[in-house]
Amino acid sequence: MPDIVKNLRGTNNFVYTTVDSIVSATQSVHFVISDTGYKILNESIVEPDKLNILKKTHDDIAHEIYGAIRDINITLNNFVRSCIKPLSRGENNITNKK
C-alpha cells in the first residue's frame, strides 16, 4: 500500500503542478498577444477612451477565468489529497467515516 500511496501523491502533485504551469504560460501568452492587438488598435482610428474600456473589460474577464481555473485546480488537488489520506493510514475504503 505505501508504494500505491506514494505513486498517487506523486501523480497528484505532478498533475497539479502541470496544470498550474500551463495556466500561467497560457495566461502570459494570452496577455502578450492581446496587449499587442490593443497597441495596434491604439495607433489607428479607435477612440482611446473606448479602447481603454474594452481592454480593461477584456483583462478583468481574462483574469477571472484564469483565476477560476487555478481555484478548480487547487480544489481538485485538495480533494485528491483528502482521498489519499485514509489510504496512507491503512484504511481500505476511502469512504469510511470515523
PDB file of N, CA and C in Angstrom:
ATOM      1  N   MET A   1       0.812  -1.214   0.000  1.00  0.00           N
ATOM      2  CA  MET A   1       0.000   0.000   0.000  1.00  0.00           C
ATOM      3  C   MET A   1       0.856   1.278   0.000  1.00  0.00           C
ATOM      4  N   PRO A   2       1.998   1.301   0.736  1.00  0.00           N
ATOM      5  CA  PRO A   2       2.795   2.536   0.735  1.00  0.00           C
ATOM      6  C   PRO A   2       3.256   2.972  -0.649  1.00  0.00           C
ATOM      7  N   ASP A   3       3.597   2.015  -1.533  1.00  0.00           N
ATOM      8  CA  ASP A   3       4.012   2.386  -2.889  1.00  0.00           C
ATOM      9  C   ASP A   3       2.860   3.006  -3.671  1.00  0.00           C
ATOM     10  N   ILE A   4       1.663   2.447  -3.506  1.00  0.00           N
ATOM     11  CA  ILE A   4       0.491   2.993  -4.193  1.00  0.00           C
ATOM     12  C   ILE A   4       0.222   4.414  -3.713  1.00  0.00           C
ATOM     13  N   VAL A   5       0.254   4.609  -2.407  1.00  0.00           N
ATOM     14  CA  VAL A   5       0.021   5.940  -1.838  1.00  0.00           C
ATOM     15  C   VAL A   5       1.078   6.922  -2.338  1.00  0.00           C
ATOM     16  N   LYS A   6       2.327   6.476  -2.350  1.00  0.00           N
ATOM     17  CA  LYS A   6       3.417   7.332  -2.835  1.00  0.00           C
ATOM     18  C   LYS A   6       3.197   7.691  -4.305  1.00  0.00           C
ATOM     19  N   ASN A   7       2.809   6.724  -5.114  1.00  0.00           N
ATOM     20  CA  ASN A   7       2.546   6.973  -6.542  1.00  0.00           C
ATOM     21  C   ASN A   7       1.356   7.896  -6.744  1.00  0.00           C
ATOM     22  N   LEU A   8       0.303   7.698  -5.951  1.00  0.00           N
ATOM     23  CA  LEU A   8      -0.870   8.573  -6.053  1.00  0.00           C
ATOM     24  C   LEU A   8      -0.513  10.011  -5.682  1.00  0.00           C
ATOM     25  N   ARG A   9       0.237  10.162  -4.616  1.00  0.00           N
ATOM     26  CA  ARG A   9       0.664  11.509  -4.211  1.00  0.00           C
ATOM     27  C   ARG A   9       1.523  12.153  -5.297  1.00  0.00           C
ATOM     28  N   GLY A  10       2.447  11.377  -5.826  1.00  0.00           N
ATOM     29  CA  GLY A  10       3.321  11.898  -6.875  1.00  0.00           C
ATOM     30  C   GLY A  10       2.543  12.298  -8.121  1.00  0.00           C
ATOM     31  N   THR A  11       1.591  11.458  -8.503  1.00  0.00           N
ATOM     32  CA  THR A  11       0.769  11.766  -9.677  1.00  0.00           C
ATOM     33  C   THR A  11      -0.079  12.999  -9.430  1.00  0.00           C
ATOM     34  N   ASN A  12      -0.666  13.090  -8.258  1.00  0.00           N
ATOM     35  CA  ASN A  12      -1.482  14.255  -7.918  1.00  0.00           C
ATOM     36  C   ASN A  12      -0.647  15.530  -7.957  1.00  0.00           C
ATOM     37  N   ASN A  13       0.534  15.493  -7.377  1.00  0.00           N
ATOM     38  CA  ASN A  13       1.410  16.669  -7.384  1.00  0.00           C
ATOM     39  C   ASN A  13       1.832  17.030  -8.805  1.00  0.00           C
ATOM     40  N   PHE A  14       2.124  16.005  -9.612  1.00  0.00           N
ATOM     41  CA  PHE A  14       2.521  16.243 -10.994  1.00  0.00           C
ATOM     42  C   PHE A  14       1.392  16.923 -11.774  1.00  0.00           C
ATOM     43  N   VAL A  15       0.175  16.400 -11.632  1.00  0.00           N
ATOM     44  CA  VAL A  15      -0.969  16.973 -12.353  1.00  0.00           C
ATOM     45  C   VAL A  15      -1.210  18.410 -11.892  1.00  0.00           C
ATOM     46  N   TYR A  16      -1.192  18.632 -10.583  1.00  0.00           N
ATOM     47  CA  TYR A  16      -1.417  19.982 -10.053  1.00  0.00           C
ATOM     48  C   TYR A  16      -0.378  20.968 -10.603  1.00  0.00           C
ATOM     49  N   THR A  17       0.884  20.593 -10.527  1.00  0.00           N
ATOM     50  CA  THR A  17       1.963  21.460 -10.981  1.00  0.00           C
ATOM     51  C   THR A  17       1.895  21.698 -12.490  1.00  0.00           C
ATOM     52  N   THR A  18       1.584  20.647 -13.230  1.00  0.00           N
ATOM     53  CA  THR A  18       1.491  20.769 -14.684  1.00  0.00           C
ATOM     54  C   THR A  18       0.367  21.716 -15.082  1.00  0.00           C
ATOM     55  N   VAL A  19      -0.805  21.526 -14.496  1.00  0.00           N
ATOM     56  CA  VAL A  19      -1.938  22.403 -14.818  1.00  0.00           C
ATOM     57  C   VAL A  19      -1.601  23.846 -14.442  1.00  0.00           C
ATOM     58  N   ASP A  20      -1.026  24.045 -13.266  1.00  0.00           N
ATOM     59  CA  ASP A  20      -0.679  25.403 -12.831  1.00  0.00           C
ATOM     60  C   ASP A  20       0.322  26.049 -13.788  1.00  0.00           C
ATOM     61  N   SER A  21       1.324  25.292 -14.213  1.00  0.00           N
ATOM     62  CA  SER A  21       2.323  25.822 -15.149  1.00  0.00           C
ATOM     63  C   SER A  21       1.709  26.153 -16.503  1.00  0.00           C
ATOM     64  N   ILE A  22       0.838  25.277 -16.986  1.00  0.00           N
ATOM     65  CA  ILE A  22       0.195  25.512 -18.283  1.00  0.00           C
ATOM     66  C   ILE A  22      -0.703  26.744 -18.225  1.00  0.00           C
ATOM     67  N   VAL A  23      -1.442  26.890 -17.130  1.00  0.00           N
ATOM     68  CA  VAL A  23      -2.322  28.055 -16.987  1.00  0.00           C
ATOM     69  C   VAL A  23      -1.485  29.336 -16.949  1.00  0.00           C
ATOM     70  N   SER A  24      -0.398  29.322 -16.211  1.00  0.00           N
ATOM     71  CA  SER A  24       0.467  30.517 -16.135  1.00  0.00           C
ATOM     72  C   SER A  24       1.052  30.866 -17.492  1.00  0.00           C
ATOM     73  N   ALA A  25       1.550  29.857 -18.195  1.00  0.00           N
ATOM     74  CA  ALA A  25       2.137  30.113 -19.521  1.00  0.00           C
ATOM     75  C   ALA A  25       1.076  30.610 -20.500  1.00  0.00           C
ATOM     76  N   THR A  26      -0.082  29.978 -20.478  1.00  0.00           N
ATOM     77  CA  THR A  26      -1.167  30.379 -21.382  1.00  0.00           C
ATOM     78  C   THR A  26      -1.609  31.808 -21.093  1.00  0.00           C
ATOM     79  N   GLN A  27      -1.742  32.136 -19.821  1.00  0.00           N
ATOM     80  CA  GLN A  27      -2.147  33.488 -19.447  1.00  0.00           C
ATOM     81  C   GLN A  27      -1.105  34.511 -19.915  1.00  0.00           C
ATOM     82  N   SER A  28       0.156  34.197 -19.735  1.00  0.00           N
ATOM     83  CA  SER A  28       1.209  35.126 -20.171  1.00  0.00           C
ATOM     84  C   SER A  28       1.160  35.362 -21.676  1.00  0.00           C
ATOM     85  N   VAL A  29       1.060  34.280 -22.436  1.00  0.00           N
ATOM     86  CA  VAL A  29       1.000  34.404 -23.894  1.00  0.00           C
ATOM     87  C   VAL A  29      -0.264  35.153 -24.311  1.00  0.00           C
ATOM     88  N   HIS A  30      -1.379  34.828 -23.676  1.00  0.00           N
ATOM     89  CA  HIS A  30      -2.649  35.487 -23.972  1.00  0.00           C
ATOM     90  C   HIS A  30      -2.510  37.006 -23.835  1.00  0.00           C
ATOM     91  N   PHE A  31      -1.917  37.448 -22.719  1.00  0.00           N
ATOM     92  CA  PHE A  31      -1.816  38.887 -22.487  1.00  0.00           C
ATOM     93  C   PHE A  31      -0.787  39.559 -23.396  1.00  0.00           C
ATOM     94  N   VAL A  32       0.257  38.855 -23.777  1.00  0.00           N
ATOM     95  CA  VAL A  32       1.206  39.426 -24.742  1.00  0.00           C
ATOM     96  C   VAL A  32       0.495  39.660 -26.076  1.00  0.00           C
ATOM     97  N   ILE A  33      -0.269  38.661 -26.507  1.00  0.00           N
ATOM     98  CA  ILE A  33      -0.994  38.785 -27.776  1.00  0.00           C
ATOM     99  C   ILE A  33      -2.053  39.885 -27.699  1.00  0.00           C
ATOM    100  N   SER A  34      -2.829  39.887 -26.627  1.00  0.00           N
ATOM    101  CA  SER A  34      -3.897  40.902 -26.534  1.00  0.00           C
ATOM    102  C   SER A  34      -3.313  42.306 -26.390  1.00  0.00           C
ATOM    103  N   ASP A  35      -2.222  42.462 -25.630  1.00  0.00           N
ATOM    104  CA  ASP A  35      -1.591  43.784 -25.497  1.00  0.00           C
ATOM    105  C   ASP A  35      -1.079  44.283 -26.847  1.00  0.00           C
ATOM    106  N   THR A  36      -0.547  43.368 -27.648  1.00  0.00           N
ATOM    107  CA  THR A  36      -0.078  43.734 -28.984  1.00  0.00           C
ATOM    108  C   THR A  36      -1.244  44.228 -29.841  1.00  0.00           C
ATOM    109  N   GLY A  37      -2.354  43.517 -29.772  1.00  0.00           N
ATOM    110  CA  GLY A  37      -3.548  43.934 -30.519  1.00  0.00           C
ATOM    111  C   GLY A  37      -4.046  45.303 -30.085  1.00  0.00           C
ATOM    112  N   TYR A  38      -4.055  45.542 -28.783  1.00  0.00           N
ATOM    113  CA  TYR A  38      -4.519  46.838 -28.296  1.00  0.00           C
ATOM    114  C   TYR A  38      -3.567  47.971 -28.698  1.00  0.00           C
ATOM    115  N   LYS A  39      -2.267  47.687 -28.736  1.00  0.00           N
ATOM    116  CA  LYS A  39      -1.304  48.707 -29.170  1.00  0.00           C
ATOM    117  C   LYS A  39      -1.539  49.074 -30.633  1.00  0.00           C
ATOM    118  N   ILE A  40      -1.807  48.071 -31.444  1.00  0.00           N
ATOM    119  CA  ILE A  40      -2.084  48.322 -32.865  1.00  0.00           C
ATOM    120  C   ILE A  40      -3.368  49.143 -33.009  1.00  0.00           C
ATOM    121  N   LEU A  41      -4.405  48.749 -32.282  1.00  0.00           N
ATOM    122  CA  LEU A  41      -5.674  49.487 -32.341  1.00  0.00           C
ATOM    123  C   LEU A  41      -5.515  50.913 -31.824  1.00  0.00           C
ATOM    124  N   ASN A  42      -4.658  51.096 -30.847  1.00  0.00           N
ATOM    125  CA  ASN A  42      -4.436  52.418 -30.262  1.00  0.00           C
ATOM    126  C   ASN A  42      -3.806  53.380 -31.275  1.00  0.00           C
ATOM    127  N   GLU A  43      -3.093  52.833 -32.223  1.00  0.00           N
ATOM    128  CA  GLU A  43      -2.453  53.661 -33.253  1.00  0.00           C
ATOM    129  C   GLU A  43      -3.372  53.915 -34.440  1.00  0.00           C
ATOM    130  N   SER A  44      -4.571  53.352 -34.397  1.00  0.00           N
ATOM    131  CA  SER A  44      -5.500  53.531 -35.519  1.00  0.00           C
ATOM    132  C   SER A  44      -6.566  54.554 -35.148  1.00  0.00           C
ATOM    133  N   ILE A  45      -7.717  54.412 -35.770  1.00  0.00           N
ATOM    134  CA  ILE A  45      -8.777  55.409 -35.593  1.00  0.00           C
ATOM    135  C   ILE A  45      -9.682  55.129 -34.387  1.00  0.00           C
ATOM    136  N   VAL A  46      -9.374  54.111 -33.617  1.00  0.00           N
ATOM    137  CA  VAL A  46     -10.209  53.774 -32.449  1.00  0.00           C
ATOM    138  C   VAL A  46     -10.022  54.837 -31.369  1.00  0.00           C
ATOM    139  N   GLU A  47     -11.129  55.267 -30.778  1.00  0.00           N
ATOM    140  CA  GLU A  47     -11.074  56.274 -29.718  1.00  0.00           C
ATOM    141  C   GLU A  47     -10.395  55.677 -28.486  1.00  0.00           C
ATOM    142  N   PRO A  48      -9.394  56.380 -27.943  1.00  0.00           N
ATOM    143  CA  PRO A  48      -8.649  55.846 -26.797  1.00  0.00           C
ATOM    144  C   PRO A  48      -9.524  55.495 -25.596  1.00  0.00           C
ATOM    145  N   ASP A  49     -10.525  56.318 -25.295  1.00  0.00           N
ATOM    146  CA  ASP A  49     -11.387  56.036 -24.144  1.00  0.00           C
ATOM    147  C   ASP A  49     -12.138  54.723 -24.321  1.00  0.00           C
ATOM    148  N   LYS A  50     -12.684  54.524 -25.502  1.00  0.00           N
ATOM    149  CA  LYS A  50     -13.423  53.285 -25.777  1.00  0.00           C
ATOM    150  C   LYS A  50     -12.476  52.087 -25.775  1.00  0.00           C
ATOM    151  N   LEU A  51     -11.292  52.285 -26.312  1.00  0.00           N
ATOM    152  CA  LEU A  51     -10.312  51.205 -26.355  1.00  0.00           C
ATOM    153  C   LEU A  51      -9.878  50.822 -24.938  1.00  0.00           C
ATOM    154  N   ASN A  52      -9.690  51.814 -24.085  1.00  0.00           N
ATOM    155  CA  ASN A  52      -9.301  51.535 -22.697  1.00  0.00           C
ATOM    156  C   ASN A  52     -10.387  50.761 -21.959  1.00  0.00           C
ATOM    157  N   ILE A  53     -11.642  51.110 -22.202  1.00  0.00           N
ATOM    158  CA  ILE A  53     -12.755  50.380 -21.588  1.00  0.00           C
ATOM    159  C   ILE A  53     -12.764  48.935 -22.083  1.00  0.00           C
ATOM    160  N   LEU A  54     -12.584  48.763 -23.373  1.00  0.00           N
ATOM    161  CA  LEU A  54     -12.555  47.422 -23.953  1.00  0.00           C
ATOM    162  C   LEU A  54     -11.403  46.605 -23.371  1.00  0.00           C
ATOM    163  N   LYS A  55     -10.216  47.196 -23.293  1.00  0.00           N
ATOM    164  CA  LYS A  55      -9.050  46.488 -22.767  1.00  0.00           C
ATOM    165  C   LYS A  55      -9.247  46.120 -21.305  1.00  0.00           C
ATOM    166  N   LYS A  56      -9.767  47.040 -20.508  1.00  0.00           N
ATOM    167  CA  LYS A  56      -9.995  46.758 -19.088  1.00  0.00           C
ATOM    168  C   LYS A  56     -11.009  45.634 -18.922  1.00  0.00           C
ATOM    169  N   THR A  57     -12.079  45.675 -19.705  1.00  0.00           N
ATOM    170  CA  THR A  57     -13.097  44.623 -19.633  1.00  0.00           C
ATOM    171  C   THR A  57     -12.482  43.270 -20.003  1.00  0.00           C
ATOM    172  N   HIS A  58     -11.735  43.252 -21.090  1.00  0.00           N
ATOM    173  CA  HIS A  58     -11.064  42.018 -21.517  1.00  0.00           C
ATOM    174  C   HIS A  58     -10.141  41.496 -20.420  1.00  0.00           C
ATOM    175  N   ASP A  59      -9.292  42.378 -19.904  1.00  0.00           N
ATOM    176  CA  ASP A  59      -8.310  41.964 -18.899  1.00  0.00           C
ATOM    177  C   ASP A  59      -8.991  41.459 -17.629  1.00  0.00           C
ATOM    178  N   ASP A  60     -10.033  42.147 -17.181  1.00  0.00           N
ATOM    179  CA  ASP A  60     -10.758  41.720 -15.983  1.00  0.00           C
ATOM    180  C   ASP A  60     -11.378  40.330 -16.172  1.00  0.00           C
ATOM    181  N   ILE A  61     -12.019  40.116 -17.310  1.00  0.00           N
ATOM    182  CA  ILE A  61     -12.651  38.820 -17.579  1.00  0.00           C
ATOM    183  C   ILE A  61     -11.587  37.724 -17.673  1.00  0.00           C
ATOM    184  N   ALA A  62     -10.507  38.010 -18.381  1.00  0.00           N
ATOM    185  CA  ALA A  62      -9.442  37.011 -18.539  1.00  0.00           C
ATOM    186  C   ALA A  62      -8.829  36.650 -17.183  1.00  0.00           C
ATOM    187  N   HIS A  63      -8.571  37.638 -16.342  1.00  0.00           N
ATOM    188  CA  HIS A  63      -8.025  37.359 -15.006  1.00  0.00           C
ATOM    189  C   HIS A  63      -8.991  36.494 -14.200  1.00  0.00           C
ATOM    190  N   GLU A  64     -10.271  36.775 -14.295  1.00  0.00           N
ATOM    191  CA  GLU A  64     -11.271  35.971 -13.580  1.00  0.00           C
ATOM    192  C   GLU A  64     -11.274  34.525 -14.070  1.00  0.00           C
ATOM    193  N   ILE A  65     -11.194  34.345 -15.372  1.00  0.00           N
ATOM    194  CA  ILE A  65     -11.211  32.987 -15.935  1.00  0.00           C
ATOM    195  C   ILE A  65      -9.971  32.211 -15.507  1.00  0.00           C
ATOM    196  N   TYR A  66      -8.803  32.804 -15.646  1.00  0.00           N
ATOM    197  CA  TYR A  66      -7.582  32.107 -15.242  1.00  0.00           C
ATOM    198  C   TYR A  66      -7.576  31.856 -13.732  1.00  0.00           C
ATOM    199  N   GLY A  67      -8.101  32.787 -12.965  1.00  0.00           N
ATOM    200  CA  GLY A  67      -8.210  32.578 -11.518  1.00  0.00           C
ATOM    201  C   GLY A  67      -9.144  31.429 -11.182  1.00  0.00           C
ATOM    202  N   ALA A  68     -10.255  31.327 -11.904  1.00  0.00           N
ATOM    203  CA  ALA A  68     -11.207  30.231 -11.674  1.00  0.00           C
ATOM    204  C   ALA A  68     -10.566  28.885 -12.003  1.00  0.00           C
ATOM    205  N   ILE A  69      -9.806  28.828 -13.076  1.00  0.00           N
ATOM    206  CA  ILE A  69      -9.122  27.579 -13.425  1.00  0.00           C
ATOM    207  C   ILE A  69      -8.137  27.203 -12.328  1.00  0.00           C
ATOM    208  N   ARG A  70      -7.407  28.183 -11.812  1.00  0.00           N
ATOM    209  CA  ARG A  70      -6.470  27.905 -10.709  1.00  0.00           C
ATOM    210  C   ARG A  70      -7.218  27.444  -9.463  1.00  0.00           C
ATOM    211  N   ASP A  71      -8.351  28.071  -9.160  1.00  0.00           N
ATOM    212  CA  ASP A  71      -9.144  27.661  -7.997  1.00  0.00           C
ATOM    213  C   ASP A  71      -9.635  26.222  -8.135  1.00  0.00           C
ATOM    214  N   ILE A  72     -10.083  25.854  -9.326  1.00  0.00           N
ATOM    215  CA  ILE A  72     -10.533  24.480  -9.571  1.00  0.00           C
ATOM    216  C   ILE A  72      -9.359  23.517  -9.406  1.00  0.00           C
ATOM    217  N   ASN A  73      -8.205  23.880  -9.915  1.00  0.00           N
ATOM    218  CA  ASN A  73      -7.022  23.040  -9.787  1.00  0.00           C
ATOM    219  C   ASN A  73      -6.663  22.829  -8.313  1.00  0.00           C
ATOM    220  N   ILE A  74      -6.702  23.887  -7.521  1.00  0.00           N
ATOM    221  CA  ILE A  74      -6.411  23.789  -6.088  1.00  0.00           C
ATOM    222  C   ILE A  74      -7.438  22.900  -5.394  1.00  0.00           C
ATOM    223  N   THR A  75      -8.712  23.100  -5.723  1.00  0.00           N
ATOM    224  CA  THR A  75      -9.779  22.308  -5.100  1.00  0.00           C
ATOM    225  C   THR A  75      -9.636  20.828  -5.435  1.00  0.00           C
ATOM    226  N   LEU A  76      -9.363  20.526  -6.693  1.00  0.00           N
ATOM    227  CA  LEU A  76      -9.183  19.123  -7.085  1.00  0.00           C
ATOM    228  C   LEU A  76      -7.955  18.517  -6.415  1.00  0.00           C
ATOM    229  N   ASN A  77      -6.887  19.279  -6.326  1.00  0.00           N
ATOM    230  CA  ASN A  77      -5.685  18.803  -5.645  1.00  0.00           C
ATOM    231  C   ASN A  77      -5.981  18.471  -4.190  1.00  0.00           C
ATOM    232  N   ASN A  78      -6.680  19.361  -3.510  1.00  0.00           N
ATOM    233  CA  ASN A  78      -7.034  19.128  -2.107  1.00  0.00           C
ATOM    234  C   ASN A  78      -7.973  17.936  -1.951  1.00  0.00           C
ATOM    235  N   PHE A  79      -8.920  17.793  -2.884  1.00  0.00           N
ATOM    236  CA  PHE A  79      -9.849  16.663  -2.838  1.00  0.00           C
ATOM    237  C   PHE A  79      -9.098  15.345  -2.978  1.00  0.00           C
ATOM    238  N   VAL A  80      -8.220  15.273  -3.955  1.00  0.00           N
ATOM    239  CA  VAL A  80      -7.462  14.030  -4.164  1.00  0.00           C
ATOM    240  C   VAL A  80      -6.589  13.738  -2.947  1.00  0.00           C
ATOM    241  N   ARG A  81      -5.962  14.764  -2.398  1.00  0.00           N
ATOM    242  CA  ARG A  81      -5.152  14.562  -1.188  1.00  0.00           C
ATOM    243  C   ARG A  81      -6.004  14.025  -0.043  1.00  0.00           C
ATOM    244  N   SER A  82      -7.232  14.534   0.090  1.00  0.00           N
ATOM    245  CA  SER A  82      -8.100  14.044   1.165  1.00  0.00           C
ATOM    246  C   SER A  82      -8.545  12.607   0.918  1.00  0.00           C
ATOM    247  N   CYS A  83      -8.617  12.202  -0.340  1.00  0.00           N
ATOM    248  CA  CYS A  83      -8.959  10.810  -0.666  1.00  0.00           C
ATOM    249  C   CYS A  83      -7.775   9.878  -0.430  1.00  0.00           C
ATOM    250  N   ILE A  84      -6.573  10.384  -0.616  1.00  0.00           N
ATOM    251  CA  ILE A  84      -5.372   9.569  -0.427  1.00  0.00           C
ATOM    252  C   ILE A  84      -5.056   9.388   1.051  1.00  0.00           C
ATOM    253  N   LYS A  85      -5.373  10.386   1.858  1.00  0.00           N
ATOM    254  CA  LYS A  85      -5.019  10.364   3.279  1.00  0.00           C
ATOM    255  C   LYS A  85      -5.477   9.085   3.991  1.00  0.00           C
ATOM    256  N   PRO A  86      -6.741   8.629   3.827  1.00  0.00           N
ATOM    257  CA  PRO A  86      -7.141   7.389   4.500  1.00  0.00           C
ATOM    258  C   PRO A  86      -6.315   6.177   4.051  1.00  0.00           C
ATOM    259  N   LEU A  87      -5.896   6.175   2.799  1.00  0.00           N
ATOM    260  CA  LEU A  87      -5.066   5.068   2.310  1.00  0.00           C
ATOM    261  C   LEU A  87      -3.718   5.040   3.026  1.00  0.00           C
ATOM    262  N   SER A  88      -3.173   6.231   3.299  1.00  0.00           N
ATOM    263  CA  SER A  88      -1.882   6.291   3.985  1.00  0.00           C
ATOM    264  C   SER A  88      -1.992   5.831   5.439  1.00  0.00           C
ATOM    265  N   ARG A  89      -3.212   5.856   5.984  1.00  0.00           N
ATOM    266  CA  ARG A  89      -3.444   5.374   7.352  1.00  0.00           C
ATOM    267  C   ARG A  89      -3.829   3.899   7.361  1.00  0.00           C
ATOM    268  N   GLY A  90      -3.850   3.286   6.164  1.00  0.00           N
ATOM    269  CA  GLY A  90      -4.133   1.862   6.085  1.00  0.00           C
ATOM    270  C   GLY A  90      -5.604   1.518   5.950  1.00  0.00           C
ATOM    271  N   GLU A  91      -6.446   2.495   5.753  1.00  0.00           N
ATOM    272  CA  GLU A  91      -7.863   2.208   5.574  1.00  0.00           C
ATOM    273  C   GLU A  91      -8.097   1.679   4.162  1.00  0.00           C
ATOM    274  N   ASN A  92      -8.945   0.670   4.053  1.00  0.00           N
ATOM    275  CA  ASN A  92      -9.198   0.065   2.749  1.00  0.00           C
ATOM    276  C   ASN A  92     -10.259   0.811   1.955  1.00  0.00           C
ATOM    277  N   ASN A  93     -11.166   1.469   2.621  1.00  0.00           N
ATOM    278  CA  ASN A  93     -12.278   2.145   1.947  1.00  0.00           C
ATOM    279  C   ASN A  93     -12.192   3.634   2.256  1.00  0.00           C
ATOM    280  N   ILE A  94     -11.921   4.431   1.250  1.00  0.00           N
ATOM    281  CA  ILE A  94     -11.727   5.865   1.496  1.00  0.00           C
ATOM    282  C   ILE A  94     -13.021   6.567   1.861  1.00  0.00           C
ATOM    283  N   THR A  95     -14.144   5.859   1.773  1.00  0.00           N
ATOM    284  CA  THR A  95     -15.413   6.483   2.156  1.00  0.00           C
ATOM    285  C   THR A  95     -15.765   6.204   3.614  1.00  0.00           C
ATOM    286  N   ASN A  96     -14.937   5.436   4.333  1.00  0.00           N
ATOM    287  CA  ASN A  96     -15.197   5.171   5.745  1.00  0.00           C
ATOM    288  C   ASN A  96     -15.216   6.469   6.527  1.00  0.00           C
ATOM    289  N   LYS A  97     -16.191   6.583   7.405  1.00  0.00           N
ATOM    290  CA  LYS A  97     -16.260   7.740   8.294  1.00  0.00           C
ATOM    291  C   LYS A  97     -15.845   7.283   9.690  1.00  0.00           C
ATOM    292  N   LYS A  98     -15.140   8.129  10.384  1.00  0.00           N
ATOM    293  CA  LYS A  98     -14.736   7.797  11.766  1.00  0.00           C
ATOM    294  C   LYS A  98     -15.580   8.548  12.740  1.00  0.00           C
TER     295      LYS A  98
END
